[in-house]
Structures are given as structure tokens and as C-alpha cells.
Amino acid sequence: MKTAQASTPVTKRSGRNKHRRLVAAVLAALLVGTICYGVSIWRATPPLTLQGNIIMGVAAILVLVAGCGLITLMFYSYRRGYDESARSNRPSQE
């Protein structure tokens, strides 16, 4: 009499999964290092005056508005078909 054995799939760790974890670990280490460096530079510099804070705030808002405007134009041109390739009805001149 044969007995039915439950076969469990053999799970191999693929090299692809290892590489993803390695890349994620390297990127996480770079992020932590960058944050630590940025905080150390931030603490080493003298504080800004009120005028400096106002100028930095206005500049940040203008950069954000410009970025949003450019992305809006990109979506608008894509939806309207302005991104289509140019076509010509003229015969080729050879």
C-alpha cells in the first residue's frame, strides 16, 4: 500500500533576492550617512537671521510651485496629444 506524502516545495534563495537585499542595505547605509553628515553641517553653521529664513522659505515655495507647474504642463501636453511624433505628408526628397 502506498502512503501519500505531502510534498513541500523546496525554496531556494535565488541570487536575485540576495542582490536586492544587498542593494537595499547599501542604499540604507548611504541614506543614514548622508543624514548624519547633513545634520553635522547644519549644527556647525551659524543660525540664519529672520531675513535669511524668510528668503529661504520664499525660495522653497517658488521651487515647489515651479516644479508643480512643470509637471502639470507635462500631463497637459500628454493628454492633449502634443507629445505625438511629428508627421509630414510631403514626399521624401532623395
PDB file of N, CA and C in Angstrom:
ATOM      1  N   MET A   1       0.836  -1.162   0.000  1.00  0.00           N
ATOM      2  CA  MET A   1       0.000   0.000   0.000  1.00  0.00           C
ATOM      3  C   MET A   1       0.892   1.239   0.000  1.00  0.00           C
ATOM      4  N   LYS A   2       0.566   2.166  -0.852  1.00  0.00           N
ATOM      5  CA  LYS A   2       1.350   3.384  -0.957  1.00  0.00           C
ATOM      6  C   LYS A   2       0.810   4.423   0.018  1.00  0.00           C
ATOM      7  N   THR A   3       1.731   5.115   0.625  1.00  0.00           N
ATOM      8  CA  THR A   3       1.320   6.195   1.523  1.00  0.00           C
ATOM      9  C   THR A   3       1.552   7.520   0.810  1.00  0.00           C
ATOM     10  N   ALA A   4       0.617   8.386   0.960  1.00  0.00           N
ATOM     11  CA  ALA A   4       0.722   9.697   0.319  1.00  0.00           C
ATOM     12  C   ALA A   4       1.546  10.616   1.213  1.00  0.00           C
ATOM     13  N   GLN A   5       2.589  11.132   0.639  1.00  0.00           N
ATOM     14  CA  GLN A   5       3.414  12.062   1.390  1.00  0.00           C
ATOM     15  C   GLN A   5       3.174  13.466   0.842  1.00  0.00           C
ATOM     16  N   ALA A   6       3.020  14.362   1.752  1.00  0.00           N
ATOM     17  CA  ALA A   6       2.819  15.748   1.327  1.00  0.00           C
ATOM     18  C   ALA A   6       4.165  16.304   0.884  1.00  0.00           C
ATOM     19  N   SER A   7       4.182  16.731  -0.329  1.00  0.00           N
ATOM     20  CA  SER A   7       5.445  17.269  -0.829  1.00  0.00           C
ATOM     21  C   SER A   7       5.455  18.777  -0.575  1.00  0.00           C
ATOM     22  N   THR A   8       6.494  19.213   0.058  1.00  0.00           N
ATOM     23  CA  THR A   8       6.644  20.643   0.296  1.00  0.00           C
ATOM     24  C   THR A   8       7.601  21.191  -0.746  1.00  0.00           C
ATOM     25  N   PRO A   9       7.277  22.330  -1.292  1.00  0.00           N
ATOM     26  CA  PRO A   9       8.165  22.889  -2.306  1.00  0.00           C
ATOM     27  C   PRO A   9       9.496  23.302  -1.689  1.00  0.00           C
ATOM     28  N   VAL A  10      10.532  22.998  -2.409  1.00  0.00           N
ATOM     29  CA  VAL A  10      11.864  23.353  -1.947  1.00  0.00           C
ATOM     30  C   VAL A  10      12.071  24.829  -2.287  1.00  0.00           C
ATOM     31  N   THR A  11      12.343  25.602  -1.271  1.00  0.00           N
ATOM     32  CA  THR A  11      12.541  27.032  -1.512  1.00  0.00           C
ATOM     33  C   THR A  11      14.022  27.325  -1.510  1.00  0.00           C
ATOM     34  N   LYS A  12      14.483  27.732  -2.657  1.00  0.00           N
ATOM     35  CA  LYS A  12      15.868  28.132  -2.788  1.00  0.00           C
ATOM     36  C   LYS A  12      15.919  29.643  -2.736  1.00  0.00           C
ATOM     37  N   ARG A  13      16.919  30.108  -2.093  1.00  0.00           N
ATOM     38  CA  ARG A  13      17.131  31.551  -2.118  1.00  0.00           C
ATOM     39  C   ARG A  13      17.838  31.880  -3.413  1.00  0.00           C
ATOM     40  N   SER A  14      17.153  32.619  -4.225  1.00  0.00           N
ATOM     41  CA  SER A  14      17.766  32.960  -5.504  1.00  0.00           C
ATOM     42  C   SER A  14      18.785  34.067  -5.305  1.00  0.00           C
ATOM     43  N   GLY A  15      19.732  34.130  -6.198  1.00  0.00           N
ATOM     44  CA  GLY A  15      20.740  35.173  -6.146  1.00  0.00           C
ATOM     45  C   GLY A  15      20.131  36.550  -6.333  1.00  0.00           C
ATOM     46  N   ARG A  16      19.024  36.575  -7.029  1.00  0.00           N
ATOM     47  CA  ARG A  16      18.349  37.843  -7.279  1.00  0.00           C
ATOM     48  C   ARG A  16      17.848  38.469  -5.984  1.00  0.00           C
ATOM     49  N   ASN A  17      17.288  37.633  -5.105  1.00  0.00           N
ATOM     50  CA  ASN A  17      16.783  38.108  -3.832  1.00  0.00           C
ATOM     51  C   ASN A  17      17.932  38.607  -2.953  1.00  0.00           C
ATOM     52  N   LYS A  18      19.056  37.919  -2.996  1.00  0.00           N
ATOM     53  CA  LYS A  18      20.220  38.337  -2.213  1.00  0.00           C
ATOM     54  C   LYS A  18      20.737  39.681  -2.698  1.00  0.00           C
ATOM     55  N   HIS A  19      20.755  39.857  -4.018  1.00  0.00           N
ATOM     56  CA  HIS A  19      21.236  41.111  -4.579  1.00  0.00           C
ATOM     57  C   HIS A  19      20.318  42.273  -4.207  1.00  0.00           C
ATOM     58  N   ARG A  20      19.024  42.016  -4.180  1.00  0.00           N
ATOM     59  CA  ARG A  20      18.082  43.066  -3.790  1.00  0.00           C
ATOM     60  C   ARG A  20      18.319  43.496  -2.347  1.00  0.00           C
ATOM     61  N   ARG A  21      18.541  42.529  -1.486  1.00  0.00           N
ATOM     62  CA  ARG A  21      18.781  42.861  -0.080  1.00  0.00           C
ATOM     63  C   ARG A  21      20.107  43.592   0.078  1.00  0.00           C
ATOM     64  N   LEU A  22      21.099  43.194  -0.688  1.00  0.00           N
ATOM     65  CA  LEU A  22      22.395  43.861  -0.619  1.00  0.00           C
ATOM     66  C   LEU A  22      22.274  45.312  -1.093  1.00  0.00           C
ATOM     67  N   VAL A  23      21.575  45.523  -2.196  1.00  0.00           N
ATOM     68  CA  VAL A  23      21.381  46.877  -2.708  1.00  0.00           C
ATOM     69  C   VAL A  23      20.587  47.712  -1.710  1.00  0.00           C
ATOM     70  N   ALA A  24      19.550  47.128  -1.117  1.00  0.00           N
ATOM     71  CA  ALA A  24      18.753  47.853  -0.120  1.00  0.00           C
ATOM     72  C   ALA A  24      19.598  48.221   1.090  1.00  0.00           C
ATOM     73  N   ALA A  25      20.473  47.311   1.524  1.00  0.00           N
ATOM     74  CA  ALA A  25      21.329  47.597   2.675  1.00  0.00           C
ATOM     75  C   ALA A  25      22.330  48.700   2.360  1.00  0.00           C
ATOM     76  N   VAL A  26      22.909  48.662   1.172  1.00  0.00           N
ATOM     77  CA  VAL A  26      23.870  49.705   0.785  1.00  0.00           C
ATOM     78  C   VAL A  26      23.171  51.058   0.685  1.00  0.00           C
ATOM     79  N   LEU A  27      21.997  51.077   0.085  1.00  0.00           N
ATOM     80  CA  LEU A  27      21.262  52.339  -0.038  1.00  0.00           C
ATOM     81  C   LEU A  27      20.844  52.881   1.330  1.00  0.00           C
ATOM     82  N   ALA A  28      20.440  51.990   2.229  1.00  0.00           N
ATOM     83  CA  ALA A  28      20.078  52.420   3.584  1.00  0.00           C
ATOM     84  C   ALA A  28      21.290  52.997   4.306  1.00  0.00           C
ATOM     85  N   ALA A  29      22.448  52.372   4.147  1.00  0.00           N
ATOM     86  CA  ALA A  29      23.664  52.878   4.779  1.00  0.00           C
ATOM     87  C   ALA A  29      24.038  54.249   4.209  1.00  0.00           C
ATOM     88  N   LEU A  30      23.909  54.418   2.906  1.00  0.00           N
ATOM     89  CA  LEU A  30      24.184  55.721   2.298  1.00  0.00           C
ATOM     90  C   LEU A  30      23.211  56.787   2.796  1.00  0.00           C
ATOM     91  N   LEU A  31      21.947  56.426   2.964  1.00  0.00           N
ATOM     92  CA  LEU A  31      20.958  57.373   3.465  1.00  0.00           C
ATOM     93  C   LEU A  31      21.278  57.804   4.886  1.00  0.00           C
ATOM     94  N   VAL A  32      21.627  56.849   5.739  1.00  0.00           N
ATOM     95  CA  VAL A  32      21.968  57.175   7.123  1.00  0.00           C
ATOM     96  C   VAL A  32      23.215  58.046   7.178  1.00  0.00           C
ATOM     97  N   GLY A  33      24.217  57.717   6.386  1.00  0.00           N
ATOM     98  CA  GLY A  33      25.437  58.519   6.342  1.00  0.00           C
ATOM     99  C   GLY A  33      25.179  59.933   5.863  1.00  0.00           C
ATOM    100  N   THR A  34      24.342  60.071   4.850  1.00  0.00           N
ATOM    101  CA  THR A  34      24.019  61.389   4.317  1.00  0.00           C
ATOM    102  C   THR A  34      23.264  62.220   5.343  1.00  0.00           C
ATOM    103  N   ILE A  35      22.333  61.605   6.037  1.00  0.00           N
ATOM    104  CA  ILE A  35      21.575  62.329   7.064  1.00  0.00           C
ATOM    105  C   ILE A  35      22.495  62.772   8.194  1.00  0.00           C
ATOM    106  N   CYS A  36      23.378  61.891   8.646  1.00  0.00           N
ATOM    107  CA  CYS A  36      24.318  62.253   9.715  1.00  0.00           C
ATOM    108  C   CYS A  36      25.228  63.397   9.275  1.00  0.00           C
ATOM    109  N   TYR A  37      25.724  63.354   8.065  1.00  0.00           N
ATOM    110  CA  TYR A  37      26.589  64.414   7.552  1.00  0.00           C
ATOM    111  C   TYR A  37      25.812  65.738   7.457  1.00  0.00           C
ATOM    112  N   GLY A  38      24.604  65.683   6.947  1.00  0.00           N
ATOM    113  CA  GLY A  38      23.788  66.889   6.826  1.00  0.00           C
ATOM    114  C   GLY A  38      23.481  67.519   8.172  1.00  0.00           C
ATOM    115  N   VAL A  39      23.160  66.697   9.163  1.00  0.00           N
ATOM    116  CA  VAL A  39      22.872  67.222  10.497  1.00  0.00           C
ATOM    117  C   VAL A  39      24.124  67.834  11.115  1.00  0.00           C
ATOM    118  N   SER A  40      25.280  67.207  10.913  1.00  0.00           N
ATOM    119  CA  SER A  40      26.513  67.759  11.483  1.00  0.00           C
ATOM    120  C   SER A  40      26.867  69.106  10.844  1.00  0.00           C
ATOM    121  N   ILE A  41      26.666  69.232   9.544  1.00  0.00           N
ATOM    122  CA  ILE A  41      26.918  70.509   8.872  1.00  0.00           C
ATOM    123  C   ILE A  41      25.910  71.561   9.332  1.00  0.00           C
ATOM    124  N   TRP A  42      24.661  71.138   9.495  1.00  0.00           N
ATOM    125  CA  TRP A  42      23.607  72.052   9.917  1.00  0.00           C
ATOM    126  C   TRP A  42      23.923  72.627  11.298  1.00  0.00           C
ATOM    127  N   ARG A  43      24.388  71.780  12.193  1.00  0.00           N
ATOM    128  CA  ARG A  43      24.697  72.235  13.553  1.00  0.00           C
ATOM    129  C   ARG A  43      25.968  73.079  13.606  1.00  0.00           C
ATOM    130  N   ALA A  44      26.881  72.891  12.662  1.00  0.00           N
ATOM    131  CA  ALA A  44      28.153  73.613  12.684  1.00  0.00           C
ATOM    132  C   ALA A  44      28.029  75.029  12.129  1.00  0.00           C
ATOM    133  N   THR A  45      26.989  75.299  11.362  1.00  0.00           N
ATOM    134  CA  THR A  45      26.844  76.629  10.761  1.00  0.00           C
ATOM    135  C   THR A  45      26.079  77.548  11.704  1.00  0.00           C
ATOM    136  N   PRO A  46      26.344  78.841  11.624  1.00  0.00           N
ATOM    137  CA  PRO A  46      25.609  79.785  12.481  1.00  0.00           C
ATOM    138  C   PRO A  46      24.149  79.883  12.037  1.00  0.00           C
ATOM    139  N   PRO A  47      23.250  80.218  12.951  1.00  0.00           N
ATOM    140  CA  PRO A  47      21.827  80.309  12.574  1.00  0.00           C
ATOM    141  C   PRO A  47      21.569  81.481  11.636  1.00  0.00           C
ATOM    142  N   LEU A  48      20.526  81.350  10.825  1.00  0.00           N
ATOM    143  CA  LEU A  48      20.154  82.409   9.889  1.00  0.00           C
ATOM    144  C   LEU A  48      19.400  83.518  10.618  1.00  0.00           C
ATOM    145  N   THR A  49      19.474  84.685  10.051  1.00  0.00           N
ATOM    146  CA  THR A  49      18.684  85.794  10.577  1.00  0.00           C
ATOM    147  C   THR A  49      17.243  85.636  10.112  1.00  0.00           C
ATOM    148  N   LEU A  50      16.384  86.531  10.586  1.00  0.00           N
ATOM    149  CA  LEU A  50      14.979  86.483  10.175  1.00  0.00           C
ATOM    150  C   LEU A  50      14.856  86.687   8.664  1.00  0.00           C
ATOM    151  N   GLN A  51      15.637  87.608   8.115  1.00  0.00           N
ATOM    152  CA  GLN A  51      15.608  87.837   6.669  1.00  0.00           C
ATOM    153  C   GLN A  51      16.046  86.586   5.902  1.00  0.00           C
ATOM    154  N   GLY A  52      17.066  85.914   6.405  1.00  0.00           N
ATOM    155  CA  GLY A  52      17.538  84.696   5.752  1.00  0.00           C
ATOM    156  C   GLY A  52      16.487  83.603   5.762  1.00  0.00           C
ATOM    157  N   ASN A  53      15.781  83.463   6.896  1.00  0.00           N
ATOM    158  CA  ASN A  53      14.712  82.466   6.977  1.00  0.00           C
ATOM    159  C   ASN A  53      13.573  82.794   6.028  1.00  0.00           C
ATOM    160  N   ILE A  54      13.232  84.073   5.925  1.00  0.00           N
ATOM    161  CA  ILE A  54      12.152  84.469   5.011  1.00  0.00           C
ATOM    162  C   ILE A  54      12.554  84.190   3.568  1.00  0.00           C
ATOM    163  N   ILE A  55      13.780  84.530   3.199  1.00  0.00           N
ATOM    164  CA  ILE A  55      14.242  84.304   1.833  1.00  0.00           C
ATOM    165  C   ILE A  55      14.280  82.810   1.516  1.00  0.00           C
ATOM    166  N   MET A  56      14.757  82.005   2.462  1.00  0.00           N
ATOM    167  CA  MET A  56      14.797  80.548   2.234  1.00  0.00           C
ATOM    168  C   MET A  56      13.389  79.978   2.084  1.00  0.00           C
ATOM    169  N   GLY A  57      12.448  80.458   2.890  1.00  0.00           N
ATOM    170  CA  GLY A  57      11.064  79.989   2.786  1.00  0.00           C
ATOM    171  C   GLY A  57      10.431  80.359   1.463  1.00  0.00           C
ATOM    172  N   VAL A  58      10.628  81.607   1.034  1.00  0.00           N
ATOM    173  CA  VAL A  58      10.069  82.053  -0.248  1.00  0.00           C
ATOM    174  C   VAL A  58      10.696  81.269  -1.405  1.00  0.00           C
ATOM    175  N   ALA A  59      12.000  81.047  -1.325  1.00  0.00           N
ATOM    176  CA  ALA A  59      12.672  80.282  -2.384  1.00  0.00           C
ATOM    177  C   ALA A  59      12.149  78.853  -2.438  1.00  0.00           C
ATOM    178  N   ALA A  60      11.936  78.235  -1.284  1.00  0.00           N
ATOM    179  CA  ALA A  60      11.413  76.865  -1.266  1.00  0.00           C
ATOM    180  C   ALA A  60      10.008  76.807  -1.858  1.00  0.00           C
ATOM    181  N   ILE A  61       9.181  77.790  -1.539  1.00  0.00           N
ATOM    182  CA  ILE A  61       7.822  77.817  -2.090  1.00  0.00           C
ATOM    183  C   ILE A  61       7.867  78.029  -3.603  1.00  0.00           C
ATOM    184  N   LEU A  62       8.731  78.927  -4.082  1.00  0.00           N
ATOM    185  CA  LEU A  62       8.828  79.160  -5.526  1.00  0.00           C
ATOM    186  C   LEU A  62       9.315  77.922  -6.277  1.00  0.00           C
ATOM    187  N   VAL A  63      10.266  77.210  -5.705  1.00  0.00           N
ATOM    188  CA  VAL A  63      10.755  75.978  -6.338  1.00  0.00           C
ATOM    189  C   VAL A  63       9.640  74.939  -6.393  1.00  0.00           C
ATOM    190  N   LEU A  64       8.866  74.824  -5.318  1.00  0.00           N
ATOM    191  CA  LEU A  64       7.754  73.874  -5.290  1.00  0.00           C
ATOM    192  C   LEU A  64       6.697  74.241  -6.317  1.00  0.00           C
ATOM    193  N   VAL A  65       6.357  75.521  -6.426  1.00  0.00           N
ATOM    194  CA  VAL A  65       5.363  75.964  -7.405  1.00  0.00           C
ATOM    195  C   VAL A  65       5.865  75.717  -8.826  1.00  0.00           C
ATOM    196  N   ALA A  66       7.134  76.018  -9.086  1.00  0.00           N
ATOM    197  CA  ALA A  66       7.686  75.798 -10.426  1.00  0.00           C
ATOM    198  C   ALA A  66       7.679  74.312 -10.782  1.00  0.00           C
ATOM    199  N   GLY A  67       8.054  73.460  -9.851  1.00  0.00           N
ATOM    200  CA  GLY A  67       8.037  72.015 -10.106  1.00  0.00           C
ATOM    201  C   GLY A  67       6.637  71.503 -10.381  1.00  0.00           C
ATOM    202  N   CYS A  68       5.664  71.941  -9.576  1.00  0.00           N
ATOM    203  CA  CYS A  68       4.279  71.508  -9.800  1.00  0.00           C
ATOM    204  C   CYS A  68       3.757  72.020 -11.134  1.00  0.00           C
ATOM    205  N   GLY A  69       4.131  73.253 -11.494  1.00  0.00           N
ATOM    206  CA  GLY A  69       3.704  73.794 -12.778  1.00  0.00           C
ATOM    207  C   GLY A  69       4.268  73.018 -13.948  1.00  0.00           C
ATOM    208  N   LEU A  70       5.537  72.644 -13.868  1.00  0.00           N
ATOM    209  CA  LEU A  70       6.144  71.881 -14.961  1.00  0.00           C
ATOM    210  C   LEU A  70       5.536  70.489 -15.079  1.00  0.00           C
ATOM    211  N   ILE A  71       5.257  69.864 -13.962  1.00  0.00           N
ATOM    212  CA  ILE A  71       4.621  68.536 -14.017  1.00  0.00           C
ATOM    213  C   ILE A  71       3.210  68.657 -14.576  1.00  0.00           C
ATOM    214  N   THR A  72       2.489  69.718 -14.200  1.00  0.00           N
ATOM    215  CA  THR A  72       1.151  69.946 -14.744  1.00  0.00           C
ATOM    216  C   THR A  72       1.208  70.135 -16.260  1.00  0.00           C
ATOM    217  N   LEU A  73       2.180  70.912 -16.732  1.00  0.00           N
ATOM    218  CA  LEU A  73       2.328  71.087 -18.180  1.00  0.00           C
ATOM    219  C   LEU A  73       2.647  69.779 -18.886  1.00  0.00           C
ATOM    220  N   MET A  74       3.443  68.933 -18.240  1.00  0.00           N
ATOM    221  CA  MET A  74       3.780  67.646 -18.831  1.00  0.00           C
ATOM    222  C   MET A  74       2.531  66.783 -18.986  1.00  0.00           C
ATOM    223  N   PHE A  75       1.701  66.706 -17.941  1.00  0.00           N
ATOM    224  CA  PHE A  75       0.470  65.927 -18.029  1.00  0.00           C
ATOM    225  C   PHE A  75      -0.492  66.534 -19.041  1.00  0.00           C
ATOM    226  N   TYR A  76      -0.588  67.852 -19.079  1.00  0.00           N
ATOM    227  CA  TYR A  76      -1.481  68.535 -20.011  1.00  0.00           C
ATOM    228  C   TYR A  76      -1.079  68.241 -21.452  1.00  0.00           C
ATOM    229  N   SER A  77       0.215  68.357 -21.742  1.00  0.00           N
ATOM    230  CA  SER A  77       0.655  68.118 -23.117  1.00  0.00           C
ATOM    231  C   SER A  77       0.480  66.664 -23.514  1.00  0.00           C
ATOM    232  N   TYR A  78       0.639  65.746 -22.563  1.00  0.00           N
ATOM    233  CA  TYR A  78       0.452  64.327 -22.871  1.00  0.00           C
ATOM    234  C   TYR A  78      -1.026  64.045 -23.166  1.00  0.00           C
ATOM    235  N   ARG A  79      -1.916  64.607 -22.353  1.00  0.00           N
ATOM    236  CA  ARG A  79      -3.342  64.356 -22.543  1.00  0.00           C
ATOM    237  C   ARG A  79      -3.876  64.976 -23.826  1.00  0.00           C
ATOM    238  N   ARG A  80      -3.337  66.115 -24.226  1.00  0.00           N
ATOM    239  CA  ARG A  80      -3.793  66.797 -25.432  1.00  0.00           C
ATOM    240  C   ARG A  80      -3.157  66.249 -26.697  1.00  0.00           C
ATOM    241  N   GLY A  81      -2.164  65.384 -26.559  1.00  0.00           N
ATOM    242  CA  GLY A  81      -1.545  64.790 -27.730  1.00  0.00           C
ATOM    243  C   GLY A  81      -0.410  65.592 -28.314  1.00  0.00           C
ATOM    244  N   TYR A  82       0.101  66.568 -27.558  1.00  0.00           N
ATOM    245  CA  TYR A  82       1.207  67.366 -28.060  1.00  0.00           C
ATOM    246  C   TYR A  82       2.521  66.587 -28.061  1.00  0.00           C
ATOM    247  N   ASP A  83       2.556  65.454 -27.427  1.00  0.00           N
ATOM    248  CA  ASP A  83       3.772  64.660 -27.371  1.00  0.00           C
ATOM    249  C   ASP A  83       3.887  63.671 -28.525  1.00  0.00           C
ATOM    250  N   GLU A  84       2.924  63.677 -29.431  1.00  0.00           N
ATOM    251  CA  GLU A  84       2.976  62.771 -30.567  1.00  0.00           C
ATOM    252  C   GLU A  84       4.146  63.145 -31.468  1.00  0.00           C
ATOM    253  N   SER A  85       4.673  62.167 -32.166  1.00  0.00           N
ATOM    254  CA  SER A  85       5.779  62.446 -33.070  1.00  0.00           C
ATOM    255  C   SER A  85       5.279  63.241 -34.273  1.00  0.00           C
ATOM    256  N   ALA A  86       6.153  64.062 -34.819  1.00  0.00           N
ATOM    257  CA  ALA A  86       5.785  64.902 -35.958  1.00  0.00           C
ATOM    258  C   ALA A  86       5.664  64.034 -37.205  1.00  0.00           C
ATOM    259  N   ARG A  87       4.639  64.321 -38.013  1.00  0.00           N
ATOM    260  CA  ARG A  87       4.442  63.583 -39.269  1.00  0.00           C
ATOM    261  C   ARG A  87       4.385  64.584 -40.403  1.00  0.00           C
ATOM    262  N   SER A  88       4.841  64.165 -41.531  1.00  0.00           N
ATOM    263  CA  SER A  88       4.831  65.039 -42.704  1.00  0.00           C
ATOM    264  C   SER A  88       4.175  64.320 -43.861  1.00  0.00           C
ATOM    265  N   ASN A  89       3.367  65.060 -44.624  1.00  0.00           N
ATOM    266  CA  ASN A  89       2.717  64.498 -45.815  1.00  0.00           C
ATOM    267  C   ASN A  89       3.531  64.748 -47.066  1.00  0.00           C
ATOM    268  N   ARG A  90       4.637  65.449 -46.925  1.00  0.00           N
ATOM    269  CA  ARG A  90       5.493  65.732 -48.081  1.00  0.00           C
ATOM    270  C   ARG A  90       6.255  64.507 -48.510  1.00  0.00           C
ATOM    271  N   PRO A  91       6.435  64.331 -49.818  1.00  0.00           N
ATOM    272  CA  PRO A  91       7.240  63.195 -50.271  1.00  0.00           C
ATOM    273  C   PRO A  91       8.708  63.433 -49.913  1.00  0.00           C
ATOM    274  N   SER A  92       9.421  62.371 -49.703  1.00  0.00           N
ATOM    275  CA  SER A  92      10.822  62.491 -49.342  1.00  0.00           C
ATOM    276  C   SER A  92      11.638  62.968 -50.536  1.00  0.00           C
ATOM    277  N   GLN A  93      12.629  63.795 -50.270  1.00  0.00           N
ATOM    278  CA  GLN A  93      13.465  64.343 -51.337  1.00  0.00           C
ATOM    279  C   GLN A  93      14.774  63.568 -51.379  1.00  0.00           C
ATOM    280  N   GLU A  94      14.873  62.708 -52.324  1.00  0.00           N
ATOM    281  CA  GLU A  94      16.092  61.889 -52.446  1.00  0.00           C
ATOM    282  C   GLU A  94      16.819  62.179 -53.700  1.00  0.00           C
TER     283      GLU A  94
END
